[in-house]
Amino acid sequence: MSENVHMLPPLHTLGPAPEAVGAAAILIHGRTQSPADMFAIADRLDFPNLPYVAVEAAGNSWYPDKFMAPLANNQPFLDFALERIESLVAQLEAIGIPRSRIILLGFSQGACLACEYVHRHPTRWGGLIAYTGGLIGPAGMSWLTPKALAGTPVLLANSDDDVWVPLGRTQESATVFERMGADVHLVVYPGMGHLVNEDEIALGRGLIQKLLAN
């Protein structure tokens, strides 16, 4: 493992303290992006009273190869990235925020990491919002599907011809999460570029509203 893997960039926060609200959203940026890109999405979601915590990847990438490359190609970076998310979740739990009040929100590579994290840590989460993402691993992967997500709301959205995340993998991921007991909403946008459109923002807003209303 390279020395750089152990260098943890600081957390970036937006909004009130999580303990004051009793909920939080973890933002996970895409390859070559940064927390600023995720805060731009948070601004569009328009929940100023929701605490956002954005993690930052060393070198602006969570793992080096494509997300559908053999798993070994992305190690040890993938495991380190997943540990980074788990460490942040543990910090939130330590101040009284249960996993059922934590939303994981990612775009592109960050959406793939969020999906993989939720799959590997199945429980009742506050929600998963994956804008252009899917589970990590090569074609032909099979995933364990313990029915432990217990109604976790999951929003998966993608284009029908995204150049980075094949729609088929997003659809496979939806099936996996459904088998795990999640409440899955899969949306496909014809011809959409590699971006987050306003309909996706509206759907994400609806998921967050339901969490904050409880």
Protein backbone atom coordinates (compact mmCIF):
# COMPACT_ATOMS: atom_id res chain seq x y z
CA MET A 1 0.00 0.00 0.00
CA SER A 2 1.44 3.35 -0.97
CA GLU A 3 2.20 5.97 1.61
CA ASN A 4 -0.29 8.34 -0.04
CA VAL A 5 -3.16 5.95 0.71
CA HIS A 6 -2.77 6.78 4.40
CA MET A 7 -3.04 10.53 3.89
CA LEU A 8 -6.59 11.50 4.83
CA PRO A 9 -7.80 14.79 3.35
CA PRO A 10 -9.92 16.77 5.79
CA LEU A 11 -13.69 16.42 5.94
CA HIS A 12 -15.75 19.24 4.45
CA THR A 13 -19.05 20.23 5.99
CA LEU A 14 -22.05 22.31 5.01
CA GLY A 15 -25.08 23.23 7.11
CA PRO A 16 -25.79 22.80 10.81
CA ALA A 17 -24.09 20.33 13.14
CA PRO A 18 -25.44 16.80 12.65
CA GLU A 19 -26.17 16.37 16.36
CA ALA A 20 -28.43 19.44 16.24
CA VAL A 21 -30.57 17.88 13.52
CA GLY A 22 -30.28 14.18 14.24
CA ALA A 23 -29.54 13.35 10.60
CA ALA A 24 -26.81 13.82 8.00
CA ALA A 25 -25.96 13.26 4.36
CA ILE A 26 -22.57 11.91 3.33
CA LEU A 27 -21.49 13.29 -0.06
CA ILE A 28 -19.09 11.27 -2.23
CA HIS A 29 -17.62 12.98 -5.29
CA GLY A 30 -16.75 11.51 -8.68
CA ARG A 31 -13.38 10.88 -10.28
CA THR A 32 -11.40 14.12 -10.87
CA GLN A 33 -13.98 15.98 -8.78
CA SER A 34 -13.92 17.36 -5.25
CA PRO A 35 -16.29 18.11 -2.35
CA ALA A 36 -17.08 21.44 -4.03
CA ASP A 37 -18.83 19.57 -6.85
CA MET A 38 -20.99 17.71 -4.34
CA PHE A 39 -21.80 20.88 -2.43
CA ALA A 40 -23.05 22.30 -5.73
CA ILE A 41 -25.48 19.37 -5.89
CA ALA A 42 -26.41 19.98 -2.25
CA ASP A 43 -27.20 23.60 -3.10
CA ARG A 44 -29.52 22.41 -5.86
CA LEU A 45 -31.26 20.02 -3.46
CA ASP A 46 -31.95 23.09 -1.29
CA PHE A 47 -32.04 21.71 2.24
CA PRO A 48 -30.09 24.36 4.17
CA ASN A 49 -31.06 22.71 7.46
CA LEU A 50 -29.60 19.31 6.51
CA PRO A 51 -26.02 18.68 7.62
CA TYR A 52 -23.80 17.58 4.74
CA VAL A 53 -20.41 15.95 5.24
CA ALA A 54 -18.27 15.52 2.12
CA VAL A 55 -15.33 13.16 1.96
CA GLU A 56 -12.39 13.93 -0.30
CA ALA A 57 -10.35 11.32 -2.17
CA ALA A 58 -6.59 11.59 -2.26
CA GLY A 59 -5.73 12.72 -5.75
CA ASN A 60 -9.44 13.25 -6.49
CA SER A 61 -10.00 9.57 -7.28
CA TRP A 62 -11.27 6.79 -5.01
CA TYR A 63 -9.67 3.98 -6.99
CA PRO A 64 -7.48 3.94 -10.12
CA ASP A 65 -9.19 1.64 -12.64
CA LYS A 66 -12.72 1.52 -14.05
CA PHE A 67 -15.40 0.38 -11.63
CA MET A 68 -16.11 -2.73 -13.71
CA ALA A 69 -12.45 -3.78 -13.87
CA PRO A 70 -11.37 -6.88 -11.91
CA LEU A 71 -11.60 -6.05 -8.22
CA ALA A 72 -7.89 -6.66 -7.71
CA ASN A 73 -7.11 -3.82 -10.14
CA ASN A 74 -8.57 -1.30 -7.71
CA GLN A 75 -6.97 -2.59 -4.54
CA PRO A 76 -5.94 -1.55 -1.98
CA PHE A 77 -7.57 1.76 -2.85
CA LEU A 78 -11.14 0.45 -2.98
CA ASP A 79 -10.91 -1.10 0.47
CA PHE A 80 -9.34 2.07 1.82
CA ALA A 81 -12.15 4.19 0.34
CA LEU A 82 -14.79 1.92 1.88
CA GLU A 83 -12.99 2.11 5.23
CA ARG A 84 -13.00 5.90 4.90
CA ILE A 85 -16.79 5.92 4.58
CA GLU A 86 -17.19 3.47 7.45
CA SER A 87 -14.97 5.64 9.66
CA LEU A 88 -17.15 8.67 8.94
CA VAL A 89 -20.33 6.71 9.66
CA ALA A 90 -18.83 5.61 12.97
CA GLN A 91 -18.04 9.24 13.81
CA LEU A 92 -21.66 10.18 13.15
CA GLU A 93 -22.91 7.28 15.26
CA ALA A 94 -20.65 8.41 18.09
CA ILE A 95 -22.52 11.73 18.24
CA GLY A 96 -25.92 10.08 18.19
CA ILE A 97 -26.78 9.82 14.47
CA PRO A 98 -27.99 6.28 13.69
CA ARG A 99 -27.51 4.71 10.28
CA SER A 100 -31.25 4.96 9.75
CA ARG A 101 -30.78 8.76 9.71
CA ILE A 102 -27.78 8.84 7.37
CA ILE A 103 -28.14 9.34 3.62
CA LEU A 104 -25.31 8.40 1.27
CA LEU A 105 -25.27 10.51 -1.88
CA GLY A 106 -22.77 10.12 -4.69
CA PHE A 107 -22.20 10.96 -8.32
CA SER A 108 -20.40 8.75 -10.87
CA GLN A 109 -17.40 7.10 -9.18
CA GLY A 110 -18.78 8.39 -5.89
CA ALA A 111 -22.17 6.85 -6.65
CA CYS A 112 -20.48 3.51 -7.35
CA LEU A 113 -18.62 3.74 -4.04
CA ALA A 114 -21.84 4.60 -2.20
CA CYS A 115 -23.61 1.60 -3.76
CA GLU A 116 -20.75 -0.73 -2.86
CA TYR A 117 -20.61 0.58 0.69
CA VAL A 118 -24.33 0.08 1.29
CA HIS A 119 -24.16 -3.44 -0.16
CA ARG A 120 -21.26 -4.34 2.13
CA HIS A 121 -22.89 -2.74 5.19
CA PRO A 122 -26.54 -3.79 4.89
CA THR A 123 -28.86 -2.28 7.46
CA ARG A 124 -31.70 0.23 7.52
CA TRP A 125 -30.09 3.39 6.11
CA GLY A 126 -31.69 6.79 5.82
CA GLY A 127 -31.26 6.48 2.08
CA LEU A 128 -28.97 5.92 -0.88
CA ILE A 129 -28.94 8.39 -3.77
CA ALA A 130 -26.72 7.17 -6.60
CA TYR A 131 -26.58 9.56 -9.52
CA THR A 132 -25.03 7.54 -12.39
CA GLY A 133 -23.61 4.61 -10.47
CA GLY A 134 -23.82 0.93 -9.66
CA LEU A 135 -22.16 -1.87 -7.74
CA ILE A 136 -18.44 -2.36 -8.28
CA GLY A 137 -16.94 -5.38 -10.02
CA PRO A 138 -16.43 -7.04 -13.42
CA ALA A 139 -19.11 -8.34 -15.75
CA GLY A 140 -20.56 -11.62 -14.53
CA MET A 141 -20.34 -10.66 -10.85
CA SER A 142 -22.81 -12.18 -8.45
CA TRP A 143 -23.67 -10.48 -5.18
CA LEU A 144 -24.87 -11.78 -1.85
CA THR A 145 -28.32 -10.42 -1.10
CA PRO A 146 -29.07 -10.66 2.63
CA LYS A 147 -32.48 -9.12 3.24
CA ALA A 148 -31.13 -6.55 5.64
CA LEU A 149 -31.81 -3.20 3.98
CA ALA A 150 -35.25 -3.22 5.61
CA GLY A 151 -36.98 -0.73 3.36
CA THR A 152 -34.02 1.61 2.86
CA PRO A 153 -35.04 4.08 0.12
CA VAL A 154 -32.66 3.75 -2.83
CA LEU A 155 -32.63 6.10 -5.82
CA LEU A 156 -30.65 4.89 -8.83
CA ALA A 157 -30.58 7.17 -11.87
CA ASN A 158 -28.62 6.87 -15.10
CA SER A 159 -28.62 7.63 -18.81
CA ASP A 160 -29.34 4.90 -21.33
CA ASP A 161 -25.93 5.49 -22.93
CA ASP A 162 -23.59 6.84 -20.26
CA VAL A 163 -19.96 6.52 -21.35
CA TRP A 164 -18.67 5.64 -17.86
CA VAL A 165 -21.44 3.65 -16.15
CA PRO A 166 -23.33 1.17 -18.34
CA LEU A 167 -27.06 1.21 -17.73
CA GLY A 168 -27.02 -2.58 -17.44
CA ARG A 169 -24.90 -2.37 -14.30
CA THR A 170 -27.25 0.18 -12.75
CA GLN A 171 -30.16 -2.14 -13.53
CA GLU A 172 -28.29 -5.11 -12.01
CA SER A 173 -27.67 -3.04 -8.91
CA ALA A 174 -31.36 -2.18 -8.63
CA THR A 175 -32.19 -5.89 -8.68
CA VAL A 176 -29.60 -6.64 -6.01
CA PHE A 177 -30.91 -3.92 -3.71
CA GLU A 178 -34.50 -5.01 -4.24
CA ARG A 179 -33.54 -8.56 -3.22
CA MET A 180 -31.91 -7.08 -0.15
CA GLY A 181 -35.20 -5.51 0.87
CA ALA A 182 -34.64 -1.91 -0.24
CA ASP A 183 -37.36 0.35 -1.61
CA VAL A 184 -35.75 0.96 -5.00
CA HIS A 185 -36.58 3.68 -7.50
CA LEU A 186 -34.71 3.26 -10.80
CA VAL A 187 -34.92 6.04 -13.36
CA VAL A 188 -33.46 6.02 -16.89
CA TYR A 189 -32.96 9.16 -18.98
CA PRO A 190 -32.65 8.79 -22.76
CA GLY A 191 -29.56 10.45 -24.22
CA MET A 192 -28.55 12.26 -21.02
CA GLY A 193 -24.93 13.31 -20.68
CA HIS A 194 -22.72 12.55 -17.69
CA LEU A 195 -24.44 14.95 -15.32
CA VAL A 196 -27.21 15.34 -12.74
CA ASN A 197 -30.38 16.74 -14.28
CA GLU A 198 -33.18 18.64 -12.58
CA ASP A 199 -35.51 15.64 -12.45
CA GLU A 200 -32.85 13.68 -10.55
CA ILE A 201 -32.54 16.60 -8.14
CA ALA A 202 -36.31 16.59 -7.60
CA LEU A 203 -36.31 12.85 -6.92
CA GLY A 204 -33.43 13.21 -4.48
CA ARG A 205 -35.26 16.06 -2.78
CA GLY A 206 -38.30 13.84 -2.31
CA LEU A 207 -36.23 11.11 -0.66
CA ILE A 208 -34.62 13.59 1.72
CA GLN A 209 -37.95 15.22 2.57
CA LYS A 210 -39.37 11.88 3.69
CA LEU A 211 -36.41 11.29 5.97
CA LEU A 212 -36.56 14.73 7.56
CA ALA A 213 -40.32 14.46 8.05
CA ASN A 214 -39.91 11.43 10.32
